[in-house]
């Protein structure tokens, strides 16, 4: 099983690698769910991780709050992606929605095209949990068609525990064998075994996953 540790800044990177993390999701501002870290943090973290055979996913998110972005915010994200790509992390975690909490498909297509041209992996983060349940299947398949290889999900409302959402995570896993569904949000090294009694997760995510 691959354990992805969500880390704020470089400070905790060496420790989580020593405890068994094989991938880092690198963020800033975890108190608001994570935003794009500085280029300096990305550079140092990526170099350190690759020296230790650990990959890095960088959060692409200009602010906390919702995932409905203005024209100017989208321009910032495109610019950040261009700069991030020069530092050669494995990929980015991104999410963008409309005011109706549906996929912002035109913008996500733009992001996907740029990321693929830069040979970067695409991950859709927990913004996915805000998509209405009856639209999640179509949304997953659309993301897969446009180059996303993984979805990070809590399985449902953030105010519920991941175990209360486990049924929906299991349903998402059935939709396509080619899309990795990575559970996260309240998942720790202490309750991971319990999760695995319910679902066959091959990748897991958390700030305390190791």
C-alpha atoms as a PDB file:
ATOM      1  CA  UNK A   1       0.000   0.000   0.000  1.00  0.00           C
ATOM      2  CA  UNK A   2       1.225   3.486  -0.873  1.00  0.00           C
ATOM      3  CA  UNK A   3       0.919   6.010   1.935  1.00  0.00           C
ATOM      4  CA  UNK A   4       0.727   9.643   0.832  1.00  0.00           C
ATOM      5  CA  UNK A   5       1.526  12.115   3.598  1.00  0.00           C
ATOM      6  CA  UNK A   6      -0.002  15.565   3.335  1.00  0.00           C
ATOM      7  CA  UNK A   7       2.685  17.975   4.522  1.00  0.00           C
ATOM      8  CA  UNK A   8       2.737  21.707   5.134  1.00  0.00           C
ATOM      9  CA  UNK A   9       6.086  23.196   4.139  1.00  0.00           C
ATOM     10  CA  UNK A  10       9.366  21.242   4.081  1.00  0.00           C
ATOM     11  CA  UNK A  11       9.758  20.931   7.858  1.00  0.00           C
ATOM     12  CA  UNK A  12       8.019  17.573   8.272  1.00  0.00           C
ATOM     13  CA  UNK A  13       9.116  15.980   4.990  1.00  0.00           C
ATOM     14  CA  UNK A  14      12.184  14.100   6.308  1.00  0.00           C
ATOM     15  CA  UNK A  15      10.244  12.741   9.298  1.00  0.00           C
ATOM     16  CA  UNK A  16       7.282  11.385   7.327  1.00  0.00           C
ATOM     17  CA  UNK A  17       9.622   9.755   4.815  1.00  0.00           C
ATOM     18  CA  UNK A  18      11.482   8.071   7.664  1.00  0.00           C
ATOM     19  CA  UNK A  19       8.140   6.774   8.952  1.00  0.00           C
ATOM     20  CA  UNK A  20       7.212   5.213   5.616  1.00  0.00           C
ATOM     21  CA  UNK A  21       5.554   7.801   3.364  1.00  0.00           C
ATOM     22  CA  UNK A  22       6.249   7.040  -0.304  1.00  0.00           C
ATOM     23  CA  UNK A  23       4.544  10.102  -1.719  1.00  0.00           C
ATOM     24  CA  UNK A  24       4.190  13.650  -0.423  1.00  0.00           C
ATOM     25  CA  UNK A  25       1.301  15.978  -1.127  1.00  0.00           C
ATOM     26  CA  UNK A  26       2.955  19.335  -0.582  1.00  0.00           C
ATOM     27  CA  UNK A  27       0.732  22.200   0.571  1.00  0.00           C
ATOM     28  CA  UNK A  28       0.691  25.443   2.473  1.00  0.00           C
ATOM     29  CA  UNK A  29      -2.079  26.612   4.833  1.00  0.00           C
ATOM     30  CA  UNK A  30      -3.492  23.267   5.895  1.00  0.00           C
ATOM     31  CA  UNK A  31      -5.803  25.131   8.266  1.00  0.00           C
ATOM     32  CA  UNK A  32      -7.896  26.043   5.197  1.00  0.00           C
ATOM     33  CA  UNK A  33      -7.489  22.689   3.476  1.00  0.00           C
ATOM     34  CA  UNK A  34      -4.238  23.466   1.670  1.00  0.00           C
ATOM     35  CA  UNK A  35      -3.047  26.040  -0.844  1.00  0.00           C
ATOM     36  CA  UNK A  36      -0.142  26.286  -3.279  1.00  0.00           C
ATOM     37  CA  UNK A  37       3.225  26.333  -1.482  1.00  0.00           C
ATOM     38  CA  UNK A  38       6.051  28.665  -2.396  1.00  0.00           C
ATOM     39  CA  UNK A  39       8.421  27.827  -5.224  1.00  0.00           C
ATOM     40  CA  UNK A  40      11.293  27.597  -2.763  1.00  0.00           C
ATOM     41  CA  UNK A  41       9.452  25.022  -0.674  1.00  0.00           C
ATOM     42  CA  UNK A  42       8.585  23.035  -3.804  1.00  0.00           C
ATOM     43  CA  UNK A  43      12.165  23.083  -5.074  1.00  0.00           C
ATOM     44  CA  UNK A  44      13.795  21.970  -1.825  1.00  0.00           C
ATOM     45  CA  UNK A  45      11.112  19.390  -1.052  1.00  0.00           C
ATOM     46  CA  UNK A  46      11.160  17.875  -4.532  1.00  0.00           C
ATOM     47  CA  UNK A  47      14.937  17.565  -4.584  1.00  0.00           C
ATOM     48  CA  UNK A  48      14.979  15.976  -1.131  1.00  0.00           C
ATOM     49  CA  UNK A  49      12.174  13.570  -1.952  1.00  0.00           C
ATOM     50  CA  UNK A  50      13.676  12.395  -5.211  1.00  0.00           C
ATOM     51  CA  UNK A  51      16.983  11.773  -3.431  1.00  0.00           C
ATOM     52  CA  UNK A  52      14.989   9.462  -1.149  1.00  0.00           C
ATOM     53  CA  UNK A  53      12.928   7.719  -3.857  1.00  0.00           C
ATOM     54  CA  UNK A  54       9.727   9.508  -2.853  1.00  0.00           C
ATOM     55  CA  UNK A  55       7.458  11.348  -5.274  1.00  0.00           C
ATOM     56  CA  UNK A  56       5.803  14.751  -4.809  1.00  0.00           C
ATOM     57  CA  UNK A  57       2.371  16.055  -5.687  1.00  0.00           C
ATOM     58  CA  UNK A  58       1.936  19.818  -5.356  1.00  0.00           C
ATOM     59  CA  UNK A  59      -1.352  21.431  -4.387  1.00  0.00           C
ATOM     60  CA  UNK A  60      -2.544  23.917  -7.018  1.00  0.00           C
ATOM     61  CA  UNK A  61      -5.023  26.123  -5.172  1.00  0.00           C
ATOM     62  CA  UNK A  62      -4.759  29.911  -4.858  1.00  0.00           C
ATOM     63  CA  UNK A  63      -6.814  30.319  -1.655  1.00  0.00           C
ATOM     64  CA  UNK A  64      -9.001  28.601   0.903  1.00  0.00           C
ATOM     65  CA  UNK A  65     -12.760  28.588   0.710  1.00  0.00           C
ATOM     66  CA  UNK A  66     -14.749  27.247  -2.202  1.00  0.00           C
ATOM     67  CA  UNK A  67     -13.487  25.902  -5.523  1.00  0.00           C
ATOM     68  CA  UNK A  68     -15.261  28.379  -7.783  1.00  0.00           C
ATOM     69  CA  UNK A  69     -12.538  30.521  -9.270  1.00  0.00           C
ATOM     70  CA  UNK A  70     -12.626  33.925 -10.928  1.00  0.00           C
ATOM     71  CA  UNK A  71     -10.915  34.706 -14.234  1.00  0.00           C
ATOM     72  CA  UNK A  72      -8.022  36.311 -12.355  1.00  0.00           C
ATOM     73  CA  UNK A  73      -7.675  33.350  -9.993  1.00  0.00           C
ATOM     74  CA  UNK A  74      -7.596  30.971 -12.944  1.00  0.00           C
ATOM     75  CA  UNK A  75      -4.847  33.070 -14.523  1.00  0.00           C
ATOM     76  CA  UNK A  76      -2.878  32.808 -11.275  1.00  0.00           C
ATOM     77  CA  UNK A  77      -3.281  29.028 -11.261  1.00  0.00           C
ATOM     78  CA  UNK A  78      -2.088  28.702 -14.848  1.00  0.00           C
ATOM     79  CA  UNK A  79       0.938  30.856 -14.039  1.00  0.00           C
ATOM     80  CA  UNK A  80       1.671  28.825 -10.893  1.00  0.00           C
ATOM     81  CA  UNK A  81       1.415  25.599 -12.854  1.00  0.00           C
ATOM     82  CA  UNK A  82       3.927  26.858 -15.405  1.00  0.00           C
ATOM     83  CA  UNK A  83       6.390  27.700 -12.635  1.00  0.00           C
ATOM     84  CA  UNK A  84       5.749  24.500 -10.662  1.00  0.00           C
ATOM     85  CA  UNK A  85       6.430  22.376 -13.740  1.00  0.00           C
ATOM     86  CA  UNK A  86       9.975  23.770 -13.960  1.00  0.00           C
ATOM     87  CA  UNK A  87      10.743  22.198 -10.577  1.00  0.00           C
ATOM     88  CA  UNK A  88       9.700  18.730 -11.818  1.00  0.00           C
ATOM     89  CA  UNK A  89       7.395  17.309  -9.162  1.00  0.00           C
ATOM     90  CA  UNK A  90       5.459  14.229 -10.232  1.00  0.00           C
ATOM     91  CA  UNK A  91       2.245  16.193 -10.569  1.00  0.00           C
ATOM     92  CA  UNK A  92      -0.413  18.456  -9.147  1.00  0.00           C
ATOM     93  CA  UNK A  93      -3.568  18.109  -7.082  1.00  0.00           C
ATOM     94  CA  UNK A  94      -6.266  20.455  -8.334  1.00  0.00           C
ATOM     95  CA  UNK A  95     -10.011  20.919  -8.296  1.00  0.00           C
ATOM     96  CA  UNK A  96     -12.317  23.480  -9.858  1.00  0.00           C
ATOM     97  CA  UNK A  97     -16.111  23.633  -9.774  1.00  0.00           C
ATOM     98  CA  UNK A  98     -18.952  25.769 -11.065  1.00  0.00           C
ATOM     99  CA  UNK A  99     -21.337  27.640  -8.779  1.00  0.00           C
ATOM    100  CA  UNK A 100     -23.593  24.561  -9.022  1.00  0.00           C
ATOM    101  CA  UNK A 101     -20.741  22.326  -7.749  1.00  0.00           C
ATOM    102  CA  UNK A 102     -20.270  20.637 -11.091  1.00  0.00           C
ATOM    103  CA  UNK A 103     -16.888  20.228 -12.769  1.00  0.00           C
ATOM    104  CA  UNK A 104     -15.564  23.432 -14.325  1.00  0.00           C
ATOM    105  CA  UNK A 105     -14.805  21.498 -17.478  1.00  0.00           C
ATOM    106  CA  UNK A 106     -13.362  24.264 -19.718  1.00  0.00           C
ATOM    107  CA  UNK A 107     -10.865  25.316 -17.062  1.00  0.00           C
ATOM    108  CA  UNK A 108     -10.000  21.753 -16.093  1.00  0.00           C
ATOM    109  CA  UNK A 109      -9.364  20.945 -19.754  1.00  0.00           C
ATOM    110  CA  UNK A 110      -6.951  23.886 -19.908  1.00  0.00           C
ATOM    111  CA  UNK A 111      -5.180  22.701 -16.754  1.00  0.00           C
ATOM    112  CA  UNK A 112      -5.071  19.106 -18.008  1.00  0.00           C
ATOM    113  CA  UNK A 113      -3.615  20.062 -21.386  1.00  0.00           C
ATOM    114  CA  UNK A 114      -0.874  22.136 -19.798  1.00  0.00           C
ATOM    115  CA  UNK A 115      -0.050  19.498 -17.185  1.00  0.00           C
ATOM    116  CA  UNK A 116       0.135  16.719 -19.765  1.00  0.00           C
ATOM    117  CA  UNK A 117       2.386  18.842 -21.969  1.00  0.00           C
ATOM    118  CA  UNK A 118       4.680  19.219 -18.976  1.00  0.00           C
ATOM    119  CA  UNK A 119       4.533  15.433 -18.262  1.00  0.00           C
ATOM    120  CA  UNK A 120       2.843  15.959 -14.913  1.00  0.00           C
ATOM    121  CA  UNK A 121       0.387  13.643 -13.181  1.00  0.00           C
ATOM    122  CA  UNK A 122      -3.126  14.981 -12.554  1.00  0.00           C
ATOM    123  CA  UNK A 123      -4.986  14.402  -9.288  1.00  0.00           C
ATOM    124  CA  UNK A 124      -8.439  15.751  -8.489  1.00  0.00           C
ATOM    125  CA  UNK A 125      -8.584  16.648  -4.809  1.00  0.00           C
ATOM    126  CA  UNK A 126     -11.421  16.681  -2.271  1.00  0.00           C
ATOM    127  CA  UNK A 127     -13.408  19.255  -4.213  1.00  0.00           C
ATOM    128  CA  UNK A 128     -14.839  16.061  -5.700  1.00  0.00           C
ATOM    129  CA  UNK A 129     -16.832  15.517  -2.505  1.00  0.00           C
ATOM    130  CA  UNK A 130     -18.905  18.641  -3.205  1.00  0.00           C
ATOM    131  CA  UNK A 131     -20.162  17.302  -6.539  1.00  0.00           C
ATOM    132  CA  UNK A 132     -23.774  16.070  -6.209  1.00  0.00           C
ATOM    133  CA  UNK A 133     -23.764  12.317  -5.709  1.00  0.00           C
ATOM    134  CA  UNK A 134     -25.871  11.659  -8.812  1.00  0.00           C
ATOM    135  CA  UNK A 135     -23.224  13.417 -10.925  1.00  0.00           C
ATOM    136  CA  UNK A 136     -20.142  11.790  -9.424  1.00  0.00           C
ATOM    137  CA  UNK A 137     -20.053   8.785 -11.745  1.00  0.00           C
ATOM    138  CA  UNK A 138     -20.136  10.955 -14.870  1.00  0.00           C
ATOM    139  CA  UNK A 139     -17.636  13.323 -13.302  1.00  0.00           C
ATOM    140  CA  UNK A 140     -15.197  10.522 -12.497  1.00  0.00           C
ATOM    141  CA  UNK A 141     -15.352   9.178 -16.040  1.00  0.00           C
ATOM    142  CA  UNK A 142     -14.893  12.677 -17.496  1.00  0.00           C
ATOM    143  CA  UNK A 143     -11.835  13.257 -15.324  1.00  0.00           C
ATOM    144  CA  UNK A 144     -10.378   9.929 -16.386  1.00  0.00           C
ATOM    145  CA  UNK A 145     -10.985  10.743 -20.050  1.00  0.00           C
ATOM    146  CA  UNK A 146      -9.111  14.021 -19.610  1.00  0.00           C
ATOM    147  CA  UNK A 147      -6.009  12.551 -18.020  1.00  0.00           C
ATOM    148  CA  UNK A 148      -6.674  12.519 -14.297  1.00  0.00           C
ATOM    149  CA  UNK A 149      -5.351   9.304 -12.778  1.00  0.00           C
ATOM    150  CA  UNK A 150      -6.447   9.669  -9.172  1.00  0.00           C
ATOM    151  CA  UNK A 151      -9.216  11.160  -7.035  1.00  0.00           C
ATOM    152  CA  UNK A 152      -8.635  12.089  -3.412  1.00  0.00           C
ATOM    153  CA  UNK A 153     -11.921  11.756  -1.561  1.00  0.00           C
ATOM    154  CA  UNK A 154     -13.452  11.722   1.892  1.00  0.00           C
ATOM    155  CA  UNK A 155     -16.413   9.988   0.307  1.00  0.00           C
ATOM    156  CA  UNK A 156     -18.964  12.559   1.352  1.00  0.00           C
ATOM    157  CA  UNK A 157     -19.617  15.487   3.714  1.00  0.00           C
ATOM    158  CA  UNK A 158     -16.582  16.629   5.672  1.00  0.00           C
ATOM    159  CA  UNK A 159     -18.604  16.758   8.892  1.00  0.00           C
ATOM    160  CA  UNK A 160     -19.065  12.983   8.709  1.00  0.00           C
ATOM    161  CA  UNK A 161     -16.265  10.547   9.496  1.00  0.00           C
ATOM    162  CA  UNK A 162     -14.634   8.666   6.664  1.00  0.00           C
ATOM    163  CA  UNK A 163     -16.231   5.491   8.011  1.00  0.00           C
ATOM    164  CA  UNK A 164     -19.699   7.034   7.689  1.00  0.00           C
ATOM    165  CA  UNK A 165     -18.849   7.747   4.037  1.00  0.00           C
ATOM    166  CA  UNK A 166     -17.264   4.368   3.336  1.00  0.00           C
ATOM    167  CA  UNK A 167     -20.164   3.043   1.256  1.00  0.00           C
ATOM    168  CA  UNK A 168     -19.813   5.844  -1.272  1.00  0.00           C
ATOM    169  CA  UNK A 169     -16.037   5.364  -1.476  1.00  0.00           C
ATOM    170  CA  UNK A 170     -16.652   1.699  -2.257  1.00  0.00           C
ATOM    171  CA  UNK A 171     -19.123   2.656  -4.988  1.00  0.00           C
ATOM    172  CA  UNK A 172     -16.629   5.056  -6.561  1.00  0.00           C
ATOM    173  CA  UNK A 173     -14.025   2.289  -6.639  1.00  0.00           C
ATOM    174  CA  UNK A 174     -16.351   0.144  -8.738  1.00  0.00           C
ATOM    175  CA  UNK A 175     -16.812   2.697 -11.523  1.00  0.00           C
ATOM    176  CA  UNK A 176     -13.484   2.293 -13.296  1.00  0.00           C
ATOM    177  CA  UNK A 177     -10.515   0.033 -12.555  1.00  0.00           C
ATOM    178  CA  UNK A 178      -8.231   2.570 -14.233  1.00  0.00           C
ATOM    179  CA  UNK A 179      -9.004   5.411 -11.810  1.00  0.00           C
ATOM    180  CA  UNK A 180      -7.382   5.247  -8.377  1.00  0.00           C
ATOM    181  CA  UNK A 181      -9.707   6.279  -5.570  1.00  0.00           C
ATOM    182  CA  UNK A 182      -7.566   7.445  -2.650  1.00  0.00           C
ATOM    183  CA  UNK A 183      -9.385   7.800   0.693  1.00  0.00           C
ATOM    184  CA  UNK A 184      -8.420  10.671   2.964  1.00  0.00           C
ATOM    185  CA  UNK A 185      -9.718  13.115   5.518  1.00  0.00           C
ATOM    186  CA  UNK A 186      -9.592  11.860   9.086  1.00  0.00           C
ATOM    187  CA  UNK A 187      -7.639   8.777   8.096  1.00  0.00           C
ATOM    188  CA  UNK A 188      -4.612   8.034  10.308  1.00  0.00           C
ATOM    189  CA  UNK A 189      -2.108   5.292  11.010  1.00  0.00           C
ATOM    190  CA  UNK A 190      -4.307   4.337  13.971  1.00  0.00           C
ATOM    191  CA  UNK A 191      -7.546   3.727  12.070  1.00  0.00           C
ATOM    192  CA  UNK A 192      -6.099   2.574   8.751  1.00  0.00           C
ATOM    193  CA  UNK A 193      -6.530  -1.121   9.557  1.00  0.00           C
ATOM    194  CA  UNK A 194     -10.207  -0.535  10.267  1.00  0.00           C
ATOM    195  CA  UNK A 195     -10.626   1.139   6.872  1.00  0.00           C
ATOM    196  CA  UNK A 196      -9.047  -1.851   5.151  1.00  0.00           C
ATOM    197  CA  UNK A 197     -11.642  -4.179   6.629  1.00  0.00           C
ATOM    198  CA  UNK A 198     -14.224  -2.301   4.541  1.00  0.00           C
ATOM    199  CA  UNK A 199     -12.446  -1.458   1.269  1.00  0.00           C
ATOM    200  CA  UNK A 200      -9.372  -2.619  -0.664  1.00  0.00           C
ATOM    201  CA  UNK A 201      -7.611   0.732  -0.886  1.00  0.00           C
ATOM    202  CA  UNK A 202      -4.239   0.614  -2.625  1.00  0.00           C
ATOM    203  CA  UNK A 203      -3.337   4.223  -1.783  1.00  0.00           C
ATOM    204  CA  UNK A 204      -4.259   6.277   1.283  1.00  0.00           C
ATOM    205  CA  UNK A 205      -3.772   9.905   2.255  1.00  0.00           C
ATOM    206  CA  UNK A 206      -3.516  11.935   5.444  1.00  0.00           C
ATOM    207  CA  UNK A 207      -1.583  14.365   7.582  1.00  0.00           C
ATOM    208  CA  UNK A 208      -1.094  11.580  10.151  1.00  0.00           C
ATOM    209  CA  UNK A 209      -1.047   8.554   7.847  1.00  0.00           C
ATOM    210  CA  UNK A 210       2.465   7.506   8.998  1.00  0.00           C
END
